[in-house]
All heavy atoms as atom14 arrays in JSON, in Angstrom:
{
  "sequence": "SFLRLRPDVAVITSVAPDHLDIYGTFEAVREAFGQFAGLVKPGGHIV",
  "atom14_mask": [
    [1, 1, 1, 1, 1, 1, 0, 0, 0, 0, 0, 0, 0, 0],
    [1, 1, 1, 1, 1, 1, 1, 1, 1, 1, 1, 0, 0, 0],
    [1, 1, 1, 1, 1, 1, 1, 1, 0, 0, 0, 0, 0, 0],
    [1, 1, 1, 1, 1, 1, 1, 1, 1, 1, 1, 0, 0, 0],
    [1, 1, 1, 1, 1, 1, 1, 1, 0, 0, 0, 0, 0, 0],
    [1, 1, 1, 1, 1, 1, 1, 1, 1, 1, 1, 0, 0, 0],
    [1, 1, 1, 1, 1, 1, 1, 0, 0, 0, 0, 0, 0, 0],
    [1, 1, 1, 1, 1, 1, 1, 1, 0, 0, 0, 0, 0, 0],
    [1, 1, 1, 1, 1, 1, 1, 0, 0, 0, 0, 0, 0, 0],
    [1, 1, 1, 1, 1, 0, 0, 0, 0, 0, 0, 0, 0, 0],
    [1, 1, 1, 1, 1, 1, 1, 0, 0, 0, 0, 0, 0, 0],
    [1, 1, 1, 1, 1, 1, 1, 1, 0, 0, 0, 0, 0, 0],
    [1, 1, 1, 1, 1, 1, 1, 0, 0, 0, 0, 0, 0, 0],
    [1, 1, 1, 1, 1, 1, 0, 0, 0, 0, 0, 0, 0, 0],
    [1, 1, 1, 1, 1, 1, 1, 0, 0, 0, 0, 0, 0, 0],
    [1, 1, 1, 1, 1, 0, 0, 0, 0, 0, 0, 0, 0, 0],
    [1, 1, 1, 1, 1, 1, 1, 0, 0, 0, 0, 0, 0, 0],
    [1, 1, 1, 1, 1, 1, 1, 1, 0, 0, 0, 0, 0, 0],
    [1, 1, 1, 1, 1, 1, 1, 1, 1, 1, 0, 0, 0, 0],
    [1, 1, 1, 1, 1, 1, 1, 1, 0, 0, 0, 0, 0, 0],
    [1, 1, 1, 1, 1, 1, 1, 1, 0, 0, 0, 0, 0, 0],
    [1, 1, 1, 1, 1, 1, 1, 1, 0, 0, 0, 0, 0, 0],
    [1, 1, 1, 1, 1, 1, 1, 1, 1, 1, 1, 1, 0, 0],
    [1, 1, 1, 1, 0, 0, 0, 0, 0, 0, 0, 0, 0, 0],
    [1, 1, 1, 1, 1, 1, 1, 0, 0, 0, 0, 0, 0, 0],
    [1, 1, 1, 1, 1, 1, 1, 1, 1, 1, 1, 0, 0, 0],
    [1, 1, 1, 1, 1, 1, 1, 1, 1, 0, 0, 0, 0, 0],
    [1, 1, 1, 1, 1, 0, 0, 0, 0, 0, 0, 0, 0, 0],
    [1, 1, 1, 1, 1, 1, 1, 0, 0, 0, 0, 0, 0, 0],
    [1, 1, 1, 1, 1, 1, 1, 1, 1, 1, 1, 0, 0, 0],
    [1, 1, 1, 1, 1, 1, 1, 1, 1, 0, 0, 0, 0, 0],
    [1, 1, 1, 1, 1, 0, 0, 0, 0, 0, 0, 0, 0, 0],
    [1, 1, 1, 1, 1, 1, 1, 1, 1, 1, 1, 0, 0, 0],
    [1, 1, 1, 1, 0, 0, 0, 0, 0, 0, 0, 0, 0, 0],
    [1, 1, 1, 1, 1, 1, 1, 1, 1, 0, 0, 0, 0, 0],
    [1, 1, 1, 1, 1, 1, 1, 1, 1, 1, 1, 0, 0, 0],
    [1, 1, 1, 1, 1, 0, 0, 0, 0, 0, 0, 0, 0, 0],
    [1, 1, 1, 1, 0, 0, 0, 0, 0, 0, 0, 0, 0, 0],
    [1, 1, 1, 1, 1, 1, 1, 1, 0, 0, 0, 0, 0, 0],
    [1, 1, 1, 1, 1, 1, 1, 0, 0, 0, 0, 0, 0, 0],
    [1, 1, 1, 1, 1, 1, 1, 1, 1, 0, 0, 0, 0, 0],
    [1, 1, 1, 1, 1, 1, 1, 0, 0, 0, 0, 0, 0, 0],
    [1, 1, 1, 1, 0, 0, 0, 0, 0, 0, 0, 0, 0, 0],
    [1, 1, 1, 1, 0, 0, 0, 0, 0, 0, 0, 0, 0, 0],
    [1, 1, 1, 1, 1, 1, 1, 1, 1, 1, 0, 0, 0, 0],
    [1, 1, 1, 1, 1, 1, 1, 1, 0, 0, 0, 0, 0, 0],
    [1, 1, 1, 1, 1, 1, 1, 0, 0, 0, 0, 0, 0, 0]
  ],
  "atom14_positions": [
    [[-4.65, 31.64, -49.89], [-4.18, 31.28, -51.24], [-3.23, 30.15, -51.25], [-3.2, 29.35, -52.2], [-3.56, 32.53, -51.85], [-4.48, 33.55, -52.08], [0.0, 0.0, 0.0], [0.0, 0.0, 0.0], [0.0, 0.0, 0.0], [0.0, 0.0, 0.0], [0.0, 0.0, 0.0], [0.0, 0.0, 0.0], [0.0, 0.0, 0.0], [0.0, 0.0, 0.0]],
    [[-2.38, 30.03, -50.21], [-1.38, 28.99, -50.2], [-1.93, 27.52, -50.13], [-1.19, 26.64, -50.38], [-0.31, 29.21, -49.12], [-0.8, 29.24, -47.71], [0.12, 29.34, -46.66], [-2.1, 29.17, -47.31], [-0.2, 29.37, -45.35], [-2.55, 29.2, -46.0], [-1.58, 29.32, -45.02], [0.0, 0.0, 0.0], [0.0, 0.0, 0.0], [0.0, 0.0, 0.0]],
    [[-3.23, 27.45, -49.86], [-3.8, 26.12, -49.8], [-4.11, 25.56, -51.16], [-4.66, 24.41, -51.24], [-5.08, 26.17, -48.92], [-4.87, 26.68, -47.46], [-6.19, 26.59, -46.72], [-3.82, 25.86, -46.76], [0.0, 0.0, 0.0], [0.0, 0.0, 0.0], [0.0, 0.0, 0.0], [0.0, 0.0, 0.0], [0.0, 0.0, 0.0], [0.0, 0.0, 0.0]],
    [[-3.73, 26.26, -52.23], [-3.9, 25.73, -53.57], [-2.64, 24.98, -54.06], [-2.61, 24.43, -55.15], [-4.14, 26.92, -54.53], [-5.39, 27.71, -54.23], [-6.6, 27.0, -54.72], [-7.83, 27.78, -54.5], [-9.04, 27.42, -54.88], [-9.19, 26.28, -55.59], [-10.07, 28.24, -54.71], [0.0, 0.0, 0.0], [0.0, 0.0, 0.0], [0.0, 0.0, 0.0]],
    [[-1.59, 25.01, -53.25], [-0.3, 24.42, -53.62], [-0.13, 23.02, -53.03], [-0.67, 22.79, -51.95], [0.89, 25.29, -53.18], [1.02, 26.63, -53.84], [2.0, 27.51, -53.13], [1.36, 26.48, -55.39], [0.0, 0.0, 0.0], [0.0, 0.0, 0.0], [0.0, 0.0, 0.0], [0.0, 0.0, 0.0], [0.0, 0.0, 0.0], [0.0, 0.0, 0.0]],
    [[0.64, 22.22, -53.69], [1.04, 20.83, -53.16], [2.6, 20.82, -53.2], [3.21, 20.33, -54.12], [0.42, 19.73, -54.0], [-1.03, 19.53, -53.91], [-1.5, 19.24, -52.46], [-0.8, 18.12, -51.86], [-1.03, 16.81, -52.07], [-2.08, 16.47, -52.85], [-0.33, 15.92, -51.48], [0.0, 0.0, 0.0], [0.0, 0.0, 0.0], [0.0, 0.0, 0.0]],
    [[3.22, 21.33, -52.13], [4.64, 21.38, -52.18], [5.35, 20.01, -52.0], [4.79, 19.14, -51.32], [4.99, 22.35, -50.95], [3.68, 22.9, -50.52], [2.63, 21.94, -50.97], [0.0, 0.0, 0.0], [0.0, 0.0, 0.0], [0.0, 0.0, 0.0], [0.0, 0.0, 0.0], [0.0, 0.0, 0.0], [0.0, 0.0, 0.0], [0.0, 0.0, 0.0]],
    [[6.56, 19.93, -52.48], [7.45, 18.85, -52.17], [8.27, 19.26, -50.92], [8.62, 18.37, -50.05], [8.35, 18.51, -53.34], [7.61, 18.02, -54.53], [7.36, 16.81, -54.59], [7.25, 18.85, -55.41], [0.0, 0.0, 0.0], [0.0, 0.0, 0.0], [0.0, 0.0, 0.0], [0.0, 0.0, 0.0], [0.0, 0.0, 0.0], [0.0, 0.0, 0.0]],
    [[8.66, 20.5, -50.86], [9.38, 21.03, -49.7], [8.59, 22.33, -49.3], [8.35, 23.22, -50.11], [10.84, 21.39, -49.99], [11.47, 22.04, -48.72], [11.59, 20.21, -50.44], [0.0, 0.0, 0.0], [0.0, 0.0, 0.0], [0.0, 0.0, 0.0], [0.0, 0.0, 0.0], [0.0, 0.0, 0.0], [0.0, 0.0, 0.0], [0.0, 0.0, 0.0]],
    [[8.19, 22.41, -47.99], [7.49, 23.58, -47.52], [8.33, 24.16, -46.43], [8.68, 23.46, -45.47], [6.11, 23.19, -46.97], [0.0, 0.0, 0.0], [0.0, 0.0, 0.0], [0.0, 0.0, 0.0], [0.0, 0.0, 0.0], [0.0, 0.0, 0.0], [0.0, 0.0, 0.0], [0.0, 0.0, 0.0], [0.0, 0.0, 0.0], [0.0, 0.0, 0.0]],
    [[8.65, 25.42, -46.56], [9.33, 26.2, -45.54], [8.34, 27.17, -44.94], [7.6, 27.85, -45.59], [10.49, 27.01, -46.11], [11.22, 27.78, -45.03], [11.52, 26.13, -46.85], [0.0, 0.0, 0.0], [0.0, 0.0, 0.0], [0.0, 0.0, 0.0], [0.0, 0.0, 0.0], [0.0, 0.0, 0.0], [0.0, 0.0, 0.0], [0.0, 0.0, 0.0]],
    [[8.34, 27.14, -43.58], [7.4, 28.09, -42.86], [8.27, 28.89, -41.89], [8.89, 28.45, -40.97], [6.4, 27.27, -42.03], [5.5, 26.43, -43.0], [5.45, 28.25, -41.23], [4.45, 25.54, -42.26], [0.0, 0.0, 0.0], [0.0, 0.0, 0.0], [0.0, 0.0, 0.0], [0.0, 0.0, 0.0], [0.0, 0.0, 0.0], [0.0, 0.0, 0.0]],
    [[8.33, 30.19, -42.25], [9.3, 31.07, -41.6], [8.76, 31.72, -40.35], [9.53, 32.1, -39.43], [9.73, 32.23, -42.62], [8.56, 32.99, -42.94], [10.36, 31.66, -43.83], [0.0, 0.0, 0.0], [0.0, 0.0, 0.0], [0.0, 0.0, 0.0], [0.0, 0.0, 0.0], [0.0, 0.0, 0.0], [0.0, 0.0, 0.0], [0.0, 0.0, 0.0]],
    [[7.43, 31.84, -40.23], [6.8, 32.53, -39.08], [5.3, 32.3, -39.18], [4.77, 32.2, -40.25], [7.16, 34.03, -39.08], [6.8, 34.6, -40.37], [0.0, 0.0, 0.0], [0.0, 0.0, 0.0], [0.0, 0.0, 0.0], [0.0, 0.0, 0.0], [0.0, 0.0, 0.0], [0.0, 0.0, 0.0], [0.0, 0.0, 0.0], [0.0, 0.0, 0.0]],
    [[4.66, 32.32, -38.04], [3.22, 32.37, -37.97], [2.83, 33.31, -36.84], [3.05, 33.1, -35.69], [2.64, 30.94, -37.63], [1.14, 31.0, -37.54], [3.08, 29.92, -38.71], [0.0, 0.0, 0.0], [0.0, 0.0, 0.0], [0.0, 0.0, 0.0], [0.0, 0.0, 0.0], [0.0, 0.0, 0.0], [0.0, 0.0, 0.0], [0.0, 0.0, 0.0]],
    [[2.24, 34.43, -37.28], [1.91, 35.47, -36.36], [0.51, 36.0, -36.72], [0.06, 35.8, -37.81], [2.94, 36.64, -36.38], [0.0, 0.0, 0.0], [0.0, 0.0, 0.0], [0.0, 0.0, 0.0], [0.0, 0.0, 0.0], [0.0, 0.0, 0.0], [0.0, 0.0, 0.0], [0.0, 0.0, 0.0], [0.0, 0.0, 0.0], [0.0, 0.0, 0.0]],
    [[-0.16, 36.75, -35.77], [-1.46, 37.28, -36.13], [-1.38, 38.3, -37.25], [-0.69, 39.29, -37.11], [-1.9, 37.98, -34.81], [-1.03, 37.42, -33.75], [0.28, 37.02, -34.42], [0.0, 0.0, 0.0], [0.0, 0.0, 0.0], [0.0, 0.0, 0.0], [0.0, 0.0, 0.0], [0.0, 0.0, 0.0], [0.0, 0.0, 0.0], [0.0, 0.0, 0.0]],
    [[-1.96, 37.97, -38.36], [-2.05, 38.94, -39.49], [-3.21, 38.55, -40.37], [-3.77, 37.48, -40.26], [-0.73, 38.84, -40.32], [-0.53, 40.13, -41.2], [-1.33, 41.06, -41.04], [0.4, 40.15, -41.97], [0.0, 0.0, 0.0], [0.0, 0.0, 0.0], [0.0, 0.0, 0.0], [0.0, 0.0, 0.0], [0.0, 0.0, 0.0], [0.0, 0.0, 0.0]],
    [[-3.61, 39.5, -41.22], [-4.78, 39.27, -42.06], [-6.02, 38.92, -41.28], [-6.8, 38.03, -41.68], [-4.51, 38.27, -43.17], [-3.35, 38.62, -44.11], [-3.38, 39.82, -44.79], [-2.18, 38.01, -44.37], [-2.29, 39.89, -45.52], [-1.51, 38.84, -45.27], [0.0, 0.0, 0.0], [0.0, 0.0, 0.0], [0.0, 0.0, 0.0], [0.0, 0.0, 0.0]],
    [[-6.19, 39.52, -40.09], [-7.28, 39.1, -39.22], [-8.63, 39.53, -39.84], [-9.69, 39.06, -39.42], [-7.11, 39.67, -37.87], [-5.84, 39.18, -37.09], [-5.8, 39.71, -35.68], [-5.82, 37.66, -37.07], [0.0, 0.0, 0.0], [0.0, 0.0, 0.0], [0.0, 0.0, 0.0], [0.0, 0.0, 0.0], [0.0, 0.0, 0.0], [0.0, 0.0, 0.0]],
    [[-8.62, 40.45, -40.81], [-9.8, 40.8, -41.52], [-10.3, 39.61, -42.34], [-11.51, 39.47, -42.61], [-9.57, 41.97, -42.49], [-8.43, 41.77, -43.45], [-7.4, 41.2, -43.02], [-8.52, 42.24, -44.61], [0.0, 0.0, 0.0], [0.0, 0.0, 0.0], [0.0, 0.0, 0.0], [0.0, 0.0, 0.0], [0.0, 0.0, 0.0], [0.0, 0.0, 0.0]],
    [[-9.4, 38.7, -42.71], [-9.72, 37.49, -43.41], [-10.01, 36.29, -42.46], [-11.04, 35.58, -42.58], [-8.6, 37.07, -44.42], [-8.36, 38.18, -45.39], [-8.88, 35.74, -45.04], [-9.51, 38.46, -46.34], [0.0, 0.0, 0.0], [0.0, 0.0, 0.0], [0.0, 0.0, 0.0], [0.0, 0.0, 0.0], [0.0, 0.0, 0.0], [0.0, 0.0, 0.0]],
    [[-9.08, 36.13, -41.47], [-9.14, 34.92, -40.62], [-9.94, 35.08, -39.33], [-10.46, 34.13, -38.83], [-7.65, 34.56, -40.21], [-6.88, 33.97, -41.33], [-6.01, 34.76, -42.12], [-6.96, 32.64, -41.7], [-5.26, 34.18, -43.16], [-6.25, 32.12, -42.71], [-5.44, 32.84, -43.43], [-4.7, 32.35, -44.49], [0.0, 0.0, 0.0], [0.0, 0.0, 0.0]],
    [[-10.03, 36.33, -38.85], [-10.83, 36.58, -37.67], [-10.02, 36.43, -36.41], [-10.0, 37.31, -35.56], [0.0, 0.0, 0.0], [0.0, 0.0, 0.0], [0.0, 0.0, 0.0], [0.0, 0.0, 0.0], [0.0, 0.0, 0.0], [0.0, 0.0, 0.0], [0.0, 0.0, 0.0], [0.0, 0.0, 0.0], [0.0, 0.0, 0.0], [0.0, 0.0, 0.0]],
    [[-9.29, 35.31, -36.21], [-8.5, 35.03, -35.01], [-7.12, 34.51, -35.31], [-6.95, 33.92, -36.46], [-9.21, 34.06, -34.08], [-9.28, 32.77, -34.75], [-10.64, 34.51, -33.78], [0.0, 0.0, 0.0], [0.0, 0.0, 0.0], [0.0, 0.0, 0.0], [0.0, 0.0, 0.0], [0.0, 0.0, 0.0], [0.0, 0.0, 0.0], [0.0, 0.0, 0.0]],
    [[-6.2, 34.66, -34.39], [-4.91, 34.08, -34.56], [-4.99, 32.57, -34.72], [-4.23, 31.92, -35.45], [-3.95, 34.51, -33.45], [-2.58, 34.0, -33.52], [-1.96, 33.75, -34.71], [-1.9, 33.65, -32.37], [-0.64, 33.24, -34.82], [-0.6, 33.12, -32.41], [0.03, 32.97, -33.64], [0.0, 0.0, 0.0], [0.0, 0.0, 0.0], [0.0, 0.0, 0.0]],
    [[-5.9, 31.95, -33.93], [-6.04, 30.51, -33.97], [-6.39, 30.07, -35.41], [-5.89, 29.04, -35.89], [-7.06, 30.07, -32.99], [-7.24, 28.59, -32.9], [-5.96, 27.78, -32.55], [-5.14, 28.38, -31.77], [-5.71, 26.7, -33.11], [0.0, 0.0, 0.0], [0.0, 0.0, 0.0], [0.0, 0.0, 0.0], [0.0, 0.0, 0.0], [0.0, 0.0, 0.0]],
    [[-7.26, 30.81, -36.02], [-7.58, 30.48, -37.42], [-6.37, 30.61, -38.39], [-6.24, 29.81, -39.3], [-8.73, 31.33, -37.95], [0.0, 0.0, 0.0], [0.0, 0.0, 0.0], [0.0, 0.0, 0.0], [0.0, 0.0, 0.0], [0.0, 0.0, 0.0], [0.0, 0.0, 0.0], [0.0, 0.0, 0.0], [0.0, 0.0, 0.0], [0.0, 0.0, 0.0]],
    [[-5.48, 31.54, -38.08], [-4.27, 31.71, -38.85], [-3.41, 30.45, -38.67], [-2.95, 29.84, -39.6], [-3.51, 32.92, -38.46], [-2.12, 33.03, -39.17], [-4.28, 34.23, -38.73], [0.0, 0.0, 0.0], [0.0, 0.0, 0.0], [0.0, 0.0, 0.0], [0.0, 0.0, 0.0], [0.0, 0.0, 0.0], [0.0, 0.0, 0.0], [0.0, 0.0, 0.0]],
    [[-3.24, 30.03, -37.41], [-2.44, 28.88, -37.07], [-3.05, 27.59, -37.77], [-2.26, 26.75, -38.29], [-2.3, 28.73, -35.62], [-1.53, 29.72, -34.93], [-1.52, 29.52, -33.4], [-0.82, 28.34, -33.06], [-1.42, 27.31, -32.47], [-2.73, 27.33, -32.16], [-0.73, 26.21, -32.19], [0.0, 0.0, 0.0], [0.0, 0.0, 0.0], [0.0, 0.0, 0.0]],
    [[-4.39, 27.56, -37.72], [-4.97, 26.35, -38.38], [-4.72, 26.28, -39.89], [-4.45, 25.21, -40.5], [-6.5, 26.4, -38.14], [-6.94, 26.08, -36.71], [-8.35, 26.22, -36.47], [-9.14, 26.62, -37.48], [-8.86, 26.05, -35.31], [0.0, 0.0, 0.0], [0.0, 0.0, 0.0], [0.0, 0.0, 0.0], [0.0, 0.0, 0.0], [0.0, 0.0, 0.0]],
    [[-4.73, 27.46, -40.52], [-4.46, 27.54, -41.98], [-3.04, 27.1, -42.28], [-2.85, 26.36, -43.27], [-4.78, 28.9, -42.51], [0.0, 0.0, 0.0], [0.0, 0.0, 0.0], [0.0, 0.0, 0.0], [0.0, 0.0, 0.0], [0.0, 0.0, 0.0], [0.0, 0.0, 0.0], [0.0, 0.0, 0.0], [0.0, 0.0, 0.0], [0.0, 0.0, 0.0]],
    [[-2.09, 27.56, -41.44], [-0.7, 27.09, -41.71], [-0.61, 25.58, -41.47], [0.24, 24.92, -42.12], [0.28, 27.91, -40.82], [0.69, 29.21, -41.41], [-0.03, 30.35, -41.16], [1.74, 29.29, -42.23], [0.33, 31.62, -41.74], [2.16, 30.47, -42.81], [1.42, 31.61, -42.55], [0.0, 0.0, 0.0], [0.0, 0.0, 0.0], [0.0, 0.0, 0.0]],
    [[-1.35, 25.05, -40.5], [-1.33, 23.62, -40.31], [-1.88, 22.88, -41.51], [-1.36, 21.86, -41.93], [0.0, 0.0, 0.0], [0.0, 0.0, 0.0], [0.0, 0.0, 0.0], [0.0, 0.0, 0.0], [0.0, 0.0, 0.0], [0.0, 0.0, 0.0], [0.0, 0.0, 0.0], [0.0, 0.0, 0.0], [0.0, 0.0, 0.0], [0.0, 0.0, 0.0]],
    [[-2.9, 23.47, -42.1], [-3.46, 22.89, -43.3], [-2.49, 22.92, -44.49], [-2.32, 21.94, -45.24], [-4.77, 23.62, -43.68], [-5.9, 23.41, -42.76], [-7.08, 24.34, -43.05], [-6.96, 25.35, -43.75], [-8.21, 24.01, -42.59], [0.0, 0.0, 0.0], [0.0, 0.0, 0.0], [0.0, 0.0, 0.0], [0.0, 0.0, 0.0], [0.0, 0.0, 0.0]],
    [[-1.76, 24.03, -44.58], [-0.68, 24.14, -45.56], [0.36, 23.05, -45.4], [0.78, 22.34, -46.35], [-0.05, 25.55, -45.52], [1.18, 25.72, -46.41], [1.06, 25.75, -47.78], [2.4, 25.84, -45.81], [2.17, 25.87, -48.57], [3.58, 25.96, -46.61], [3.42, 26.01, -48.01], [0.0, 0.0, 0.0], [0.0, 0.0, 0.0], [0.0, 0.0, 0.0]],
    [[0.82, 22.86, -44.18], [1.74, 21.78, -43.89], [1.24, 20.43, -44.3], [1.95, 19.6, -44.73], [2.16, 21.8, -42.37], [0.0, 0.0, 0.0], [0.0, 0.0, 0.0], [0.0, 0.0, 0.0], [0.0, 0.0, 0.0], [0.0, 0.0, 0.0], [0.0, 0.0, 0.0], [0.0, 0.0, 0.0], [0.0, 0.0, 0.0], [0.0, 0.0, 0.0]],
    [[-0.06, 20.27, -44.09], [-0.68, 19.01, -44.46], [-0.81, 18.76, -45.94], [-1.13, 17.56, -46.41], [0.0, 0.0, 0.0], [0.0, 0.0, 0.0], [0.0, 0.0, 0.0], [0.0, 0.0, 0.0], [0.0, 0.0, 0.0], [0.0, 0.0, 0.0], [0.0, 0.0, 0.0], [0.0, 0.0, 0.0], [0.0, 0.0, 0.0], [0.0, 0.0, 0.0]],
    [[-0.48, 19.69, -46.76], [-0.57, 19.59, -48.19], [0.75, 19.14, -48.82], [0.84, 18.88, -50.04], [-0.96, 20.93, -48.85], [-2.45, 21.34, -48.59], [-2.65, 22.76, -49.14], [-3.42, 20.4, -49.24], [0.0, 0.0, 0.0], [0.0, 0.0, 0.0], [0.0, 0.0, 0.0], [0.0, 0.0, 0.0], [0.0, 0.0, 0.0], [0.0, 0.0, 0.0]],
    [[1.76, 19.04, -47.98], [3.04, 18.59, -48.5], [2.91, 17.13, -49.03], [2.31, 16.27, -48.36], [4.17, 18.65, -47.4], [5.42, 18.02, -47.9], [4.41, 20.09, -47.01], [0.0, 0.0, 0.0], [0.0, 0.0, 0.0], [0.0, 0.0, 0.0], [0.0, 0.0, 0.0], [0.0, 0.0, 0.0], [0.0, 0.0, 0.0], [0.0, 0.0, 0.0]],
    [[3.5, 16.88, -50.14], [3.3, 15.57, -50.78], [3.93, 14.42, -49.92], [4.95, 14.74, -49.22], [3.93, 15.56, -52.2], [3.28, 16.51, -53.15], [4.09, 16.61, -54.47], [3.56, 17.62, -55.41], [4.38, 17.82, -56.62], [0.0, 0.0, 0.0], [0.0, 0.0, 0.0], [0.0, 0.0, 0.0], [0.0, 0.0, 0.0], [0.0, 0.0, 0.0]],
    [[3.41, 13.23, -49.97], [4.04, 12.12, -49.24], [5.49, 11.94, -49.62], [5.83, 12.07, -50.84], [3.19, 10.92, -49.72], [1.9, 11.49, -50.08], [2.18, 12.85, -50.69], [0.0, 0.0, 0.0], [0.0, 0.0, 0.0], [0.0, 0.0, 0.0], [0.0, 0.0, 0.0], [0.0, 0.0, 0.0], [0.0, 0.0, 0.0], [0.0, 0.0, 0.0]],
    [[6.36, 11.78, -48.67], [7.76, 11.73, -48.89], [8.47, 13.07, -48.91], [9.67, 13.12, -49.17], [0.0, 0.0, 0.0], [0.0, 0.0, 0.0], [0.0, 0.0, 0.0], [0.0, 0.0, 0.0], [0.0, 0.0, 0.0], [0.0, 0.0, 0.0], [0.0, 0.0, 0.0], [0.0, 0.0, 0.0], [0.0, 0.0, 0.0], [0.0, 0.0, 0.0]],
    [[7.7, 14.14, -48.72], [8.25, 15.49, -48.81], [8.84, 15.94, -47.46], [8.96, 15.12, -46.49], [0.0, 0.0, 0.0], [0.0, 0.0, 0.0], [0.0, 0.0, 0.0], [0.0, 0.0, 0.0], [0.0, 0.0, 0.0], [0.0, 0.0, 0.0], [0.0, 0.0, 0.0], [0.0, 0.0, 0.0], [0.0, 0.0, 0.0], [0.0, 0.0, 0.0]],
    [[9.18, 17.2, -47.46], [9.86, 17.77, -46.27], [9.15, 19.08, -45.81], [8.73, 19.87, -46.69], [11.31, 18.09, -46.63], [12.15, 16.84, -46.96], [13.07, 16.29, -46.1], [12.15, 16.1, -48.11], [13.58, 15.19, -46.66], [13.1, 15.09, -47.86], [0.0, 0.0, 0.0], [0.0, 0.0, 0.0], [0.0, 0.0, 0.0], [0.0, 0.0, 0.0]],
    [[9.15, 19.28, -44.54], [8.67, 20.52, -43.93], [9.89, 21.14, -43.12], [10.5, 20.44, -42.32], [7.47, 20.34, -42.98], [6.29, 19.77, -43.76], [7.13, 21.67, -42.31], [5.13, 19.4, -42.9], [0.0, 0.0, 0.0], [0.0, 0.0, 0.0], [0.0, 0.0, 0.0], [0.0, 0.0, 0.0], [0.0, 0.0, 0.0], [0.0, 0.0, 0.0]],
    [[10.18, 22.41, -43.43], [11.28, 23.11, -42.74], [10.62, 24.2, -41.98], [10.08, 25.14, -42.57], [12.31, 23.68, -43.73], [13.39, 24.43, -42.99], [12.89, 22.53, -44.58], [0.0, 0.0, 0.0], [0.0, 0.0, 0.0], [0.0, 0.0, 0.0], [0.0, 0.0, 0.0], [0.0, 0.0, 0.0], [0.0, 0.0, 0.0], [0.0, 0.0, 0.0]]
  ]
}
């Protein structure tokens, strides 16, 4: 769901194996969080 947002500031507190019924693997979870980070607007910040 978070891939629908375009943040100016994105905070990522943790990335752990969860919702594996949706993602299948932990690597897919990590990839999704990487995609979320990639949605930060130009000139924005990632914490």
